[in-house]
Structure formats: structure tokens, C-alpha cells
mmCIF file of all heavy atoms, coordinates in Angstrom:
data_MODEL
# 
_entry.id   MODEL 
# 
loop_
_atom_site.group_PDB 
_atom_site.id 
_atom_site.type_symbol 
_atom_site.label_atom_id 
_atom_site.label_alt_id 
_atom_site.label_comp_id 
_atom_site.label_asym_id 
_atom_site.label_entity_id 
_atom_site.label_seq_id 
_atom_site.pdbx_PDB_ins_code 
_atom_site.Cartn_x 
_atom_site.Cartn_y 
_atom_site.Cartn_z 
_atom_site.occupancy 
_atom_site.B_iso_or_equiv 
_atom_site.pdbx_formal_charge 
_atom_site.auth_seq_id 
_atom_site.auth_comp_id 
_atom_site.auth_asym_id 
_atom_site.auth_atom_id 
_atom_site.pdbx_PDB_model_num 
ATOM 1   N N   . ALA A 1 1  ? -140.510 24.020 39.541 1.00 0.00 ? 1  ALA A N   1 
ATOM 2   C CA  . ALA A 1 1  ? -141.964 24.146 39.583 1.00 0.00 ? 1  ALA A CA  1 
ATOM 3   C C   . ALA A 1 1  ? -142.607 23.206 38.567 1.00 0.00 ? 1  ALA A C   1 
ATOM 4   O O   . ALA A 1 1  ? -143.628 22.561 38.856 1.00 0.00 ? 1  ALA A O   1 
ATOM 5   C CB  . ALA A 1 1  ? -142.377 25.591 39.308 1.00 0.00 ? 1  ALA A CB  1 
ATOM 6   N N   . ARG A 1 2  ? -142.018 23.110 37.376 1.00 0.00 ? 2  ARG A N   1 
ATOM 7   C CA  . ARG A 1 2  ? -142.563 22.210 36.359 1.00 0.00 ? 2  ARG A CA  1 
ATOM 8   C C   . ARG A 1 2  ? -142.467 20.754 36.824 1.00 0.00 ? 2  ARG A C   1 
ATOM 9   O O   . ARG A 1 2  ? -143.408 19.964 36.659 1.00 0.00 ? 2  ARG A O   1 
ATOM 10  C CB  . ARG A 1 2  ? -141.819 22.396 35.039 1.00 0.00 ? 2  ARG A CB  1 
ATOM 11  C CG  . ARG A 1 2  ? -142.378 21.529 33.914 1.00 0.00 ? 2  ARG A CG  1 
ATOM 12  C CD  . ARG A 1 2  ? -141.741 21.823 32.572 1.00 0.00 ? 2  ARG A CD  1 
ATOM 13  N NE  . ARG A 1 2  ? -140.312 21.515 32.566 1.00 0.00 ? 2  ARG A NE  1 
ATOM 14  C CZ  . ARG A 1 2  ? -139.356 22.428 32.593 1.00 0.00 ? 2  ARG A CZ  1 
ATOM 15  N NH1 . ARG A 1 2  ? -139.662 23.717 32.612 1.00 0.00 ? 2  ARG A NH1 1 
ATOM 16  N NH2 . ARG A 1 2  ? -138.077 22.076 32.583 1.00 0.00 ? 2  ARG A NH2 1 
ATOM 17  N N   . GLN A 1 3  ? -141.331 20.368 37.428 1.00 0.00 ? 3  GLN A N   1 
ATOM 18  C CA  . GLN A 1 3  ? -141.178 18.998 37.928 1.00 0.00 ? 3  GLN A CA  1 
ATOM 19  C C   . GLN A 1 3  ? -142.211 18.689 39.009 1.00 0.00 ? 3  GLN A C   1 
ATOM 20  O O   . GLN A 1 3  ? -142.790 17.592 39.048 1.00 0.00 ? 3  GLN A O   1 
ATOM 21  C CB  . GLN A 1 3  ? -139.772 18.806 38.476 1.00 0.00 ? 3  GLN A CB  1 
ATOM 22  C CG  . GLN A 1 3  ? -138.662 18.880 37.436 1.00 0.00 ? 3  GLN A CG  1 
ATOM 23  C CD  . GLN A 1 3  ? -137.279 18.864 38.071 1.00 0.00 ? 3  GLN A CD  1 
ATOM 24  O OE1 . GLN A 1 3  ? -137.091 18.345 39.170 1.00 0.00 ? 3  GLN A OE1 1 
ATOM 25  N NE2 . GLN A 1 3  ? -136.301 19.451 37.388 1.00 0.00 ? 3  GLN A NE2 1 
ATOM 26  N N   . ALA A 1 4  ? -142.450 19.658 39.894 1.00 0.00 ? 4  ALA A N   1 
ATOM 27  C CA  . ALA A 1 4  ? -143.430 19.448 40.968 1.00 0.00 ? 4  ALA A CA  1 
ATOM 28  C C   . ALA A 1 4  ? -144.839 19.293 40.400 1.00 0.00 ? 4  ALA A C   1 
ATOM 29  O O   . ALA A 1 4  ? -145.625 18.447 40.868 1.00 0.00 ? 4  ALA A O   1 
ATOM 30  C CB  . ALA A 1 4  ? -143.374 20.615 41.952 1.00 0.00 ? 4  ALA A CB  1 
ATOM 31  N N   . PHE A 1 5  ? -145.152 20.093 39.383 1.00 0.00 ? 5  PHE A N   1 
ATOM 32  C CA  . PHE A 1 5  ? -146.476 19.988 38.765 1.00 0.00 ? 5  PHE A CA  1 
ATOM 33  C C   . PHE A 1 5  ? -146.646 18.625 38.095 1.00 0.00 ? 5  PHE A C   1 
ATOM 34  O O   . PHE A 1 5  ? -147.696 17.981 38.219 1.00 0.00 ? 5  PHE A O   1 
ATOM 35  C CB  . PHE A 1 5  ? -146.663 21.113 37.751 1.00 0.00 ? 5  PHE A CB  1 
ATOM 36  C CG  . PHE A 1 5  ? -148.011 21.116 37.078 1.00 0.00 ? 5  PHE A CG  1 
ATOM 37  C CD1 . PHE A 1 5  ? -149.173 21.346 37.801 1.00 0.00 ? 5  PHE A CD1 1 
ATOM 38  C CD2 . PHE A 1 5  ? -148.118 20.870 35.706 1.00 0.00 ? 5  PHE A CD2 1 
ATOM 39  C CE1 . PHE A 1 5  ? -150.412 21.350 37.184 1.00 0.00 ? 5  PHE A CE1 1 
ATOM 40  C CE2 . PHE A 1 5  ? -149.356 20.861 35.080 1.00 0.00 ? 5  PHE A CE2 1 
ATOM 41  C CZ  . PHE A 1 5  ? -150.506 21.108 35.825 1.00 0.00 ? 5  PHE A CZ  1 
ATOM 42  N N   . GLU A 1 6  ? -145.628 18.166 37.404 1.00 0.00 ? 6  GLU A N   1 
ATOM 43  C CA  . GLU A 1 6  ? -145.690 16.853 36.759 1.00 0.00 ? 6  GLU A CA  1 
ATOM 44  C C   . GLU A 1 6  ? -145.803 15.744 37.809 1.00 0.00 ? 6  GLU A C   1 
ATOM 45  O O   . GLU A 1 6  ? -146.470 14.716 37.581 1.00 0.00 ? 6  GLU A O   1 
ATOM 46  C CB  . GLU A 1 6  ? -144.459 16.648 35.883 1.00 0.00 ? 6  GLU A CB  1 
ATOM 47  C CG  . GLU A 1 6  ? -144.444 17.566 34.659 1.00 0.00 ? 6  GLU A CG  1 
ATOM 48  C CD  . GLU A 1 6  ? -143.119 17.541 33.904 1.00 0.00 ? 6  GLU A CD  1 
ATOM 49  O OE1 . GLU A 1 6  ? -142.149 16.939 34.440 1.00 0.00 ? 6  GLU A OE1 1 
ATOM 50  O OE2 . GLU A 1 6  ? -143.044 18.122 32.805 1.00 0.00 ? 6  GLU A OE2 1 
ATOM 51  N N   . HIS A 1 7  ? -145.177 15.935 38.967 1.00 0.00 ? 7  HIS A N   1 
ATOM 52  C CA  . HIS A 1 7  ? -145.274 14.970 40.067 1.00 0.00 ? 7  HIS A CA  1 
ATOM 53  C C   . HIS A 1 7  ? -146.728 14.866 40.549 1.00 0.00 ? 7  HIS A C   1 
ATOM 54  O O   . HIS A 1 7  ? -147.233 13.756 40.775 1.00 0.00 ? 7  HIS A O   1 
ATOM 55  C CB  . HIS A 1 7  ? -144.355 15.408 41.208 1.00 0.00 ? 7  HIS A CB  1 
ATOM 56  C CG  . HIS A 1 7  ? -144.386 14.508 42.406 1.00 0.00 ? 7  HIS A CG  1 
ATOM 57  N ND1 . HIS A 1 7  ? -143.705 13.310 42.469 1.00 0.00 ? 7  HIS A ND1 1 
ATOM 58  C CD2 . HIS A 1 7  ? -145.034 14.642 43.600 1.00 0.00 ? 7  HIS A CD2 1 
ATOM 59  C CE1 . HIS A 1 7  ? -143.926 12.739 43.638 1.00 0.00 ? 7  HIS A CE1 1 
ATOM 60  N NE2 . HIS A 1 7  ? -144.718 13.525 44.349 1.00 0.00 ? 7  HIS A NE2 1 
ATOM 61  N N   . VAL A 1 8  ? -147.382 16.013 40.692 1.00 0.00 ? 8  VAL A N   1 
ATOM 62  C CA  . VAL A 1 8  ? -148.789 16.005 41.111 1.00 0.00 ? 8  VAL A CA  1 
ATOM 63  C C   . VAL A 1 8  ? -149.644 15.313 40.053 1.00 0.00 ? 8  VAL A C   1 
ATOM 64  O O   . VAL A 1 8  ? -150.525 14.497 40.376 1.00 0.00 ? 8  VAL A O   1 
ATOM 65  C CB  . VAL A 1 8  ? -149.285 17.453 41.350 1.00 0.00 ? 8  VAL A CB  1 
ATOM 66  C CG1 . VAL A 1 8  ? -150.794 17.479 41.574 1.00 0.00 ? 8  VAL A CG1 1 
ATOM 67  C CG2 . VAL A 1 8  ? -148.570 18.062 42.546 1.00 0.00 ? 8  VAL A CG2 1 
ATOM 68  N N   . GLN A 1 9  ? -149.380 15.612 38.771 1.00 0.00 ? 9  GLN A N   1 
ATOM 69  C CA  . GLN A 1 9  ? -150.150 14.978 37.697 1.00 0.00 ? 9  GLN A CA  1 
ATOM 70  C C   . GLN A 1 9  ? -149.994 13.460 37.733 1.00 0.00 ? 9  GLN A C   1 
ATOM 71  O O   . GLN A 1 9  ? -150.961 12.721 37.509 1.00 0.00 ? 9  GLN A O   1 
ATOM 72  C CB  . GLN A 1 9  ? -149.686 15.509 36.338 1.00 0.00 ? 9  GLN A CB  1 
ATOM 73  C CG  . GLN A 1 9  ? -150.131 16.937 36.026 1.00 0.00 ? 9  GLN A CG  1 
ATOM 74  C CD  . GLN A 1 9  ? -149.682 17.369 34.644 1.00 0.00 ? 9  GLN A CD  1 
ATOM 75  O OE1 . GLN A 1 9  ? -148.498 17.317 34.311 1.00 0.00 ? 9  GLN A OE1 1 
ATOM 76  N NE2 . GLN A 1 9  ? -150.636 17.795 33.823 1.00 0.00 ? 9  GLN A NE2 1 
ATOM 77  N N   . SER A 1 10 ? -148.791 13.003 38.001 1.00 0.00 ? 10 SER A N   1 
ATOM 78  C CA  . SER A 1 10 ? -148.538 11.552 38.015 1.00 0.00 ? 10 SER A CA  1 
ATOM 79  C C   . SER A 1 10 ? -149.166 10.860 39.209 1.00 0.00 ? 10 SER A C   1 
ATOM 80  O O   . SER A 1 10 ? -149.236 9.625  39.245 1.00 0.00 ? 10 SER A O   1 
ATOM 81  C CB  . SER A 1 10 ? -147.029 11.289 37.997 1.00 0.00 ? 10 SER A CB  1 
ATOM 82  O OG  . SER A 1 10 ? -146.422 11.693 39.219 1.00 0.00 ? 10 SER A OG  1 
ATOM 83  N N   . HIS A 1 11 ? -149.612 11.636 40.184 1.00 0.00 ? 11 HIS A N   1 
ATOM 84  C CA  . HIS A 1 11 ? -150.282 11.086 41.369 1.00 0.00 ? 11 HIS A CA  1 
ATOM 85  C C   . HIS A 1 11 ? -151.764 11.447 41.371 1.00 0.00 ? 11 HIS A C   1 
ATOM 86  O O   . HIS A 1 11 ? -152.338 11.854 42.393 1.00 0.00 ? 11 HIS A O   1 
ATOM 87  C CB  . HIS A 1 11 ? -149.604 11.579 42.655 1.00 0.00 ? 11 HIS A CB  1 
ATOM 88  C CG  . HIS A 1 11 ? -148.274 10.944 42.923 1.00 0.00 ? 11 HIS A CG  1 
ATOM 89  N ND1 . HIS A 1 11 ? -147.125 11.304 42.229 1.00 0.00 ? 11 HIS A ND1 1 
ATOM 90  C CD2 . HIS A 1 11 ? -147.907 9.942  43.795 1.00 0.00 ? 11 HIS A CD2 1 
ATOM 91  C CE1 . HIS A 1 11 ? -146.106 10.574 42.669 1.00 0.00 ? 11 HIS A CE1 1 
ATOM 92  N NE2 . HIS A 1 11 ? -146.553 9.743  43.615 1.00 0.00 ? 11 HIS A NE2 1 
ATOM 93  N N   . ASN A 1 12 ? -152.361 11.328 40.204 1.00 0.00 ? 12 ASN A N   1 
ATOM 94  C CA  . ASN A 1 12 ? -153.806 11.521 40.058 1.00 0.00 ? 12 ASN A CA  1 
ATOM 95  C C   . ASN A 1 12 ? -154.248 12.907 40.504 1.00 0.00 ? 12 ASN A C   1 
ATOM 96  O O   . ASN A 1 12 ? -155.311 13.079 41.103 1.00 0.00 ? 12 ASN A O   1 
ATOM 97  C CB  . ASN A 1 12 ? -154.573 10.446 40.840 1.00 0.00 ? 12 ASN A CB  1 
ATOM 98  C CG  . ASN A 1 12 ? -156.007 10.301 40.365 1.00 0.00 ? 12 ASN A CG  1 
ATOM 99  O OD1 . ASN A 1 12 ? -156.313 10.565 39.193 1.00 0.00 ? 12 ASN A OD1 1 
ATOM 100 N ND2 . ASN A 1 12 ? -156.891 9.904  41.270 1.00 0.00 ? 12 ASN A ND2 1 
ATOM 101 N N   . ASP A 1 13 ? -153.404 13.921 40.210 1.00 0.00 ? 13 ASP A N   1 
ATOM 102 C CA  . ASP A 1 13 ? -153.715 15.320 40.511 1.00 0.00 ? 13 ASP A CA  1 
ATOM 103 C C   . ASP A 1 13 ? -153.997 15.551 41.993 1.00 0.00 ? 13 ASP A C   1 
ATOM 104 O O   . ASP A 1 13 ? -154.819 16.393 42.358 1.00 0.00 ? 13 ASP A O   1 
ATOM 105 C CB  . ASP A 1 13 ? -154.912 15.808 39.673 1.00 0.00 ? 13 ASP A CB  1 
ATOM 106 C CG  . ASP A 1 13 ? -154.619 15.781 38.189 1.00 0.00 ? 13 ASP A CG  1 
ATOM 107 O OD1 . ASP A 1 13 ? -153.505 16.152 37.802 1.00 0.00 ? 13 ASP A OD1 1 
ATOM 108 O OD2 . ASP A 1 13 ? -155.510 15.376 37.414 1.00 0.00 ? 13 ASP A OD2 1 
ATOM 109 N N   . SER A 1 14 ? -153.317 14.814 42.852 1.00 0.00 ? 14 SER A N   1 
ATOM 110 C CA  . SER A 1 14 ? -153.516 14.966 44.295 1.00 0.00 ? 14 SER A CA  1 
ATOM 111 C C   . SER A 1 14 ? -152.445 15.880 44.880 1.00 0.00 ? 14 SER A C   1 
ATOM 112 O O   . SER A 1 14 ? -151.242 15.598 44.787 1.00 0.00 ? 14 SER A O   1 
ATOM 113 C CB  . SER A 1 14 ? -153.459 13.603 44.989 1.00 0.00 ? 14 SER A CB  1 
ATOM 114 O OG  . SER A 1 14 ? -153.474 13.763 46.390 1.00 0.00 ? 14 SER A OG  1 
ATOM 115 N N   . LEU A 1 15 ? -152.872 16.964 45.511 1.00 0.00 ? 15 LEU A N   1 
ATOM 116 C CA  . LEU A 1 15 ? -151.921 17.883 46.129 1.00 0.00 ? 15 LEU A CA  1 
ATOM 117 C C   . LEU A 1 15 ? -151.243 17.265 47.348 1.00 0.00 ? 15 LEU A C   1 
ATOM 118 O O   . LEU A 1 15 ? -150.182 17.736 47.771 1.00 0.00 ? 15 LEU A O   1 
ATOM 119 C CB  . LEU A 1 15 ? -152.632 19.180 46.526 1.00 0.00 ? 15 LEU A CB  1 
ATOM 120 C CG  . LEU A 1 15 ? -153.120 20.059 45.366 1.00 0.00 ? 15 LEU A CG  1 
ATOM 121 C CD1 . LEU A 1 15 ? -153.836 21.296 45.898 1.00 0.00 ? 15 LEU A CD1 1 
ATOM 122 C CD2 . LEU A 1 15 ? -151.952 20.479 44.476 1.00 0.00 ? 15 LEU A CD2 1 
ATOM 123 N N   . ALA A 1 16 ? -151.834 16.207 47.895 1.00 0.00 ? 16 ALA A N   1 
ATOM 124 C CA  . ALA A 1 16 ? -151.197 15.523 49.024 1.00 0.00 ? 16 ALA A CA  1 
ATOM 125 C C   . ALA A 1 16 ? -149.843 14.946 48.623 1.00 0.00 ? 16 ALA A C   1 
ATOM 126 O O   . ALA A 1 16 ? -148.964 14.740 49.470 1.00 0.00 ? 16 ALA A O   1 
ATOM 127 C CB  . ALA A 1 16 ? -152.115 14.414 49.544 1.00 0.00 ? 16 ALA A CB  1 
ATOM 128 N N   . ALA A 1 17 ? -149.670 14.718 47.312 1.00 0.00 ? 17 ALA A N   1 
ATOM 129 C CA  . ALA A 1 17 ? -148.411 14.142 46.835 1.00 0.00 ? 17 ALA A CA  1 
ATOM 130 C C   . ALA A 1 17 ? -147.249 15.119 46.931 1.00 0.00 ? 17 ALA A C   1 
ATOM 131 O O   . ALA A 1 17 ? -146.081 14.719 46.836 1.00 0.00 ? 17 ALA A O   1 
ATOM 132 C CB  . ALA A 1 17 ? -148.576 13.677 45.383 1.00 0.00 ? 17 ALA A CB  1 
ATOM 133 N N   . LEU A 1 18 ? -147.528 16.398 47.106 1.00 0.00 ? 18 LEU A N   1 
ATOM 134 C CA  . LEU A 1 18 ? -146.460 17.392 47.178 1.00 0.00 ? 18 LEU A CA  1 
ATOM 135 C C   . LEU A 1 18 ? -145.504 17.131 48.340 1.00 0.00 ? 18 LEU A C   1 
ATOM 136 O O   . LEU A 1 18 ? -144.310 17.416 48.254 1.00 0.00 ? 18 LEU A O   1 
ATOM 137 C CB  . LEU A 1 18 ? -147.046 18.802 47.307 1.00 0.00 ? 18 LEU A CB  1 
ATOM 138 C CG  . LEU A 1 18 ? -147.651 19.411 46.044 1.00 0.00 ? 18 LEU A CG  1 
ATOM 139 C CD1 . LEU A 1 18 ? -148.319 20.744 46.370 1.00 0.00 ? 18 LEU A CD1 1 
ATOM 140 C CD2 . LEU A 1 18 ? -146.563 19.609 44.988 1.00 0.00 ? 18 LEU A CD2 1 
ATOM 141 N N   . ALA A 1 19 ? -146.041 16.576 49.436 1.00 0.00 ? 19 ALA A N   1 
ATOM 142 C CA  . ALA A 1 19 ? -145.193 16.320 50.608 1.00 0.00 ? 19 ALA A CA  1 
ATOM 143 C C   . ALA A 1 19 ? -144.109 15.294 50.282 1.00 0.00 ? 19 ALA A C   1 
ATOM 144 O O   . ALA A 1 19 ? -143.033 15.302 50.902 1.00 0.00 ? 19 ALA A O   1 
ATOM 145 C CB  . ALA A 1 19 ? -146.047 15.838 51.778 1.00 0.00 ? 19 ALA A CB  1 
ATOM 146 N N   . GLY A 1 20 ? -144.370 14.422 49.314 1.00 0.00 ? 20 GLY A N   1 
ATOM 147 C CA  . GLY A 1 20 ? -143.401 13.397 48.956 1.00 0.00 ? 20 GLY A CA  1 
ATOM 148 C C   . GLY A 1 20 ? -142.501 13.775 47.796 1.00 0.00 ? 20 GLY A C   1 
ATOM 149 O O   . GLY A 1 20 ? -141.652 12.967 47.379 1.00 0.00 ? 20 GLY A O   1 
ATOM 150 N N   . PHE A 1 21 ? -142.667 14.988 47.267 1.00 0.00 ? 21 PHE A N   1 
ATOM 151 C CA  . PHE A 1 21 ? -141.815 15.427 46.162 1.00 0.00 ? 21 PHE A CA  1 
ATOM 152 C C   . PHE A 1 21 ? -140.415 15.757 46.682 1.00 0.00 ? 21 PHE A C   1 
ATOM 153 O O   . PHE A 1 21 ? -140.262 16.497 47.654 1.00 0.00 ? 21 PHE A O   1 
ATOM 154 C CB  . PHE A 1 21 ? -142.425 16.656 45.486 1.00 0.00 ? 21 PHE A CB  1 
ATOM 155 C CG  . PHE A 1 21 ? -141.572 17.246 44.400 1.00 0.00 ? 21 PHE A CG  1 
ATOM 156 C CD1 . PHE A 1 21 ? -141.333 16.547 43.231 1.00 0.00 ? 21 PHE A CD1 1 
ATOM 157 C CD2 . PHE A 1 21 ? -140.993 18.503 44.562 1.00 0.00 ? 21 PHE A CD2 1 
ATOM 158 C CE1 . PHE A 1 21 ? -140.534 17.087 42.227 1.00 0.00 ? 21 PHE A CE1 1 
ATOM 159 C CE2 . PHE A 1 21 ? -140.200 19.055 43.569 1.00 0.00 ? 21 PHE A CE2 1 
ATOM 160 C CZ  . PHE A 1 21 ? -139.965 18.339 42.395 1.00 0.00 ? 21 PHE A CZ  1 
ATOM 161 N N   . ARG A 1 22 ? -139.398 15.190 46.039 1.00 0.00 ? 22 ARG A N   1 
ATOM 162 C CA  . ARG A 1 22 ? -138.016 15.410 46.468 1.00 0.00 ? 22 ARG A CA  1 
ATOM 163 C C   . ARG A 1 22 ? -137.520 16.709 45.849 1.00 0.00 ? 22 ARG A C   1 
ATOM 164 O O   . ARG A 1 22 ? -137.180 16.767 44.668 1.00 0.00 ? 22 ARG A O   1 
ATOM 165 C CB  . ARG A 1 22 ? -137.139 14.235 46.059 1.00 0.00 ? 22 ARG A CB  1 
ATOM 166 C CG  . ARG A 1 22 ? -137.560 12.927 46.726 1.00 0.00 ? 22 ARG A CG  1 
ATOM 167 C CD  . ARG A 1 22 ? -136.603 11.809 46.395 1.00 0.00 ? 22 ARG A CD  1 
ATOM 168 N NE  . ARG A 1 22 ? -135.259 12.094 46.913 1.00 0.00 ? 22 ARG A NE  1 
ATOM 169 C CZ  . ARG A 1 22 ? -134.224 11.264 46.758 1.00 0.00 ? 22 ARG A CZ  1 
ATOM 170 N NH1 . ARG A 1 22 ? -134.368 10.127 46.103 1.00 0.00 ? 22 ARG A NH1 1 
ATOM 171 N NH2 . ARG A 1 22 ? -133.035 11.598 47.248 1.00 0.00 ? 22 ARG A NH2 1 
ATOM 172 N N   . LEU A 1 23 ? -137.504 17.732 46.648 1.00 0.00 ? 23 LEU A N   1 
ATOM 173 C CA  . LEU A 1 23 ? -137.133 19.063 46.171 1.00 0.00 ? 23 LEU A CA  1 
ATOM 174 C C   . LEU A 1 23 ? -135.631 19.093 45.857 1.00 0.00 ? 23 LEU A C   1 
ATOM 175 O O   . LEU A 1 23 ? -134.801 18.928 46.754 1.00 0.00 ? 23 LEU A O   1 
ATOM 176 C CB  . LEU A 1 23 ? -137.466 20.098 47.257 1.00 0.00 ? 23 LEU A CB  1 
ATOM 177 C CG  . LEU A 1 23 ? -137.509 21.571 46.833 1.00 0.00 ? 23 LEU A CG  1 
ATOM 178 C CD1 . LEU A 1 23 ? -138.688 21.825 45.911 1.00 0.00 ? 23 LEU A CD1 1 
ATOM 179 C CD2 . LEU A 1 23 ? -137.632 22.454 48.081 1.00 0.00 ? 23 LEU A CD2 1 
ATOM 180 N N   . PRO A 1 24 ? -135.267 19.286 44.565 1.00 0.00 ? 24 PRO A N   1 
ATOM 181 C CA  . PRO A 1 24 ? -133.838 19.290 44.222 1.00 0.00 ? 24 PRO A CA  1 
ATOM 182 C C   . PRO A 1 24 ? -133.097 20.499 44.765 1.00 0.00 ? 24 PRO A C   1 
ATOM 183 O O   . PRO A 1 24 ? -131.906 20.440 45.020 1.00 0.00 ? 24 PRO A O   1 
ATOM 184 C CB  . PRO A 1 24 ? -133.852 19.275 42.691 1.00 0.00 ? 24 PRO A CB  1 
ATOM 185 C CG  . PRO A 1 24 ? -135.171 19.866 42.307 1.00 0.00 ? 24 PRO A CG  1 
ATOM 186 C CD  . PRO A 1 24 ? -136.125 19.455 43.383 1.00 0.00 ? 24 PRO A CD  1 
ATOM 187 N N   . ARG A 1 25 ? -133.796 21.595 44.898 1.00 0.00 ? 25 ARG A N   1 
ATOM 188 C CA  . ARG A 1 25 ? -133.181 22.810 45.466 1.00 0.00 ? 25 ARG A CA  1 
ATOM 189 C C   . ARG A 1 25 ? -134.300 23.653 46.067 1.00 0.00 ? 25 ARG A C   1 
ATOM 190 O O   . ARG A 1 25 ? -135.458 23.499 45.721 1.00 0.00 ? 25 ARG A O   1 
ATOM 191 C CB  . ARG A 1 25 ? -132.414 23.588 44.404 1.00 0.00 ? 25 ARG A CB  1 
ATOM 192 C CG  . ARG A 1 25 ? -133.266 24.072 43.251 1.00 0.00 ? 25 ARG A CG  1 
ATOM 193 C CD  . ARG A 1 25 ? -132.411 24.777 42.196 1.00 0.00 ? 25 ARG A CD  1 
ATOM 194 N NE  . ARG A 1 25 ? -131.414 23.902 41.630 1.00 0.00 ? 25 ARG A NE  1 
ATOM 195 C CZ  . ARG A 1 25 ? -131.665 23.074 40.599 1.00 0.00 ? 25 ARG A CZ  1 
ATOM 196 N NH1 . ARG A 1 25 ? -132.879 23.024 40.070 1.00 0.00 ? 25 ARG A NH1 1 
ATOM 197 N NH2 . ARG A 1 25 ? -130.723 22.307 40.121 1.00 0.00 ? 25 ARG A NH2 1 
ATOM 198 N N   . GLY A 1 26 ? -133.919 24.566 46.978 1.00 0.00 ? 26 GLY A N   1 
ATOM 199 C CA  . GLY A 1 26 ? -134.910 25.411 47.607 1.00 0.00 ? 26 GLY A CA  1 
ATOM 200 C C   . GLY A 1 26 ? -135.064 25.100 49.084 1.00 0.00 ? 26 GLY A C   1 
ATOM 201 O O   . GLY A 1 26 ? -134.476 24.149 49.620 1.00 0.00 ? 26 GLY A O   1 
ATOM 202 N N   . ASP A 1 27 ? -135.873 25.909 49.750 1.00 0.00 ? 27 ASP A N   1 
ATOM 203 C CA  . ASP A 1 27 ? -136.084 25.778 51.194 1.00 0.00 ? 27 ASP A CA  1 
ATOM 204 C C   . ASP A 1 27 ? -137.076 24.651 51.471 1.00 0.00 ? 27 ASP A C   1 
ATOM 205 O O   . ASP A 1 27 ? -138.282 24.803 51.272 1.00 0.00 ? 27 ASP A O   1 
ATOM 206 C CB  . ASP A 1 27 ? -136.615 27.112 51.737 1.00 0.00 ? 27 ASP A CB  1 
ATOM 207 C CG  . ASP A 1 27 ? -136.613 27.162 53.249 1.00 0.00 ? 27 ASP A CG  1 
ATOM 208 O OD1 . ASP A 1 27 ? -136.956 26.138 53.865 1.00 0.00 ? 27 ASP A OD1 1 
ATOM 209 O OD2 . ASP A 1 27 ? -136.294 28.226 53.810 1.00 0.00 ? 27 ASP A OD2 1 
ATOM 210 N N   . ARG A 1 28 ? -136.578 23.508 51.936 1.00 0.00 ? 28 ARG A N   1 
ATOM 211 C CA  . ARG A 1 28 ? -137.435 22.332 52.127 1.00 0.00 ? 28 ARG A CA  1 
ATOM 212 C C   . ARG A 1 28 ? -138.430 22.518 53.266 1.00 0.00 ? 28 ARG A C   1 
ATOM 213 O O   . ARG A 1 28 ? -139.532 21.977 53.231 1.00 0.00 ? 28 ARG A O   1 
ATOM 214 C CB  . ARG A 1 28 ? -136.570 21.099 52.361 1.00 0.00 ? 28 ARG A CB  1 
ATOM 215 C CG  . ARG A 1 28 ? -135.706 20.778 51.146 1.00 0.00 ? 28 ARG A CG  1 
ATOM 216 C CD  . ARG A 1 28 ? -134.909 19.497 51.312 1.00 0.00 ? 28 ARG A CD  1 
ATOM 217 N NE  . ARG A 1 28 ? -134.104 19.254 50.123 1.00 0.00 ? 28 ARG A NE  1 
ATOM 218 C CZ  . ARG A 1 28 ? -133.313 18.193 49.950 1.00 0.00 ? 28 ARG A CZ  1 
ATOM 219 N NH1 . ARG A 1 28 ? -133.229 17.285 50.921 1.00 0.00 ? 28 ARG A NH1 1 
ATOM 220 N NH2 . ARG A 1 28 ? -132.618 18.058 48.840 1.00 0.00 ? 28 ARG A NH2 1 
ATOM 221 N N   . GLY A 1 29 ? -138.033 23.278 54.288 1.00 0.00 ? 29 GLY A N   1 
ATOM 222 C CA  . GLY A 1 29 ? -138.967 23.520 55.388 1.00 0.00 ? 29 GLY A CA  1 
ATOM 223 C C   . GLY A 1 29 ? -140.178 24.313 54.930 1.00 0.00 ? 29 GLY A C   1 
ATOM 224 O O   . GLY A 1 29 ? -141.322 23.984 55.276 1.00 0.00 ? 29 GLY A O   1 
# 
């Protein structure tokens, strides 16, 4: 969750960037 939040921050706080986050573990669908 922390990595995903930092990913959004690095993309100008855009939630659209979540689709491109490479989920290391968890249900990707």
C-alpha cells in the first residue's frame, strides 16, 4: 500500500496511475 501511494505521488497525485502500478503481490484482477 505504501509503494502504491508513493507511485501515485510520483505521478503528480493522479489516481489514473494506479492502473500502471506493478503489483508485487495480491489479486491483480
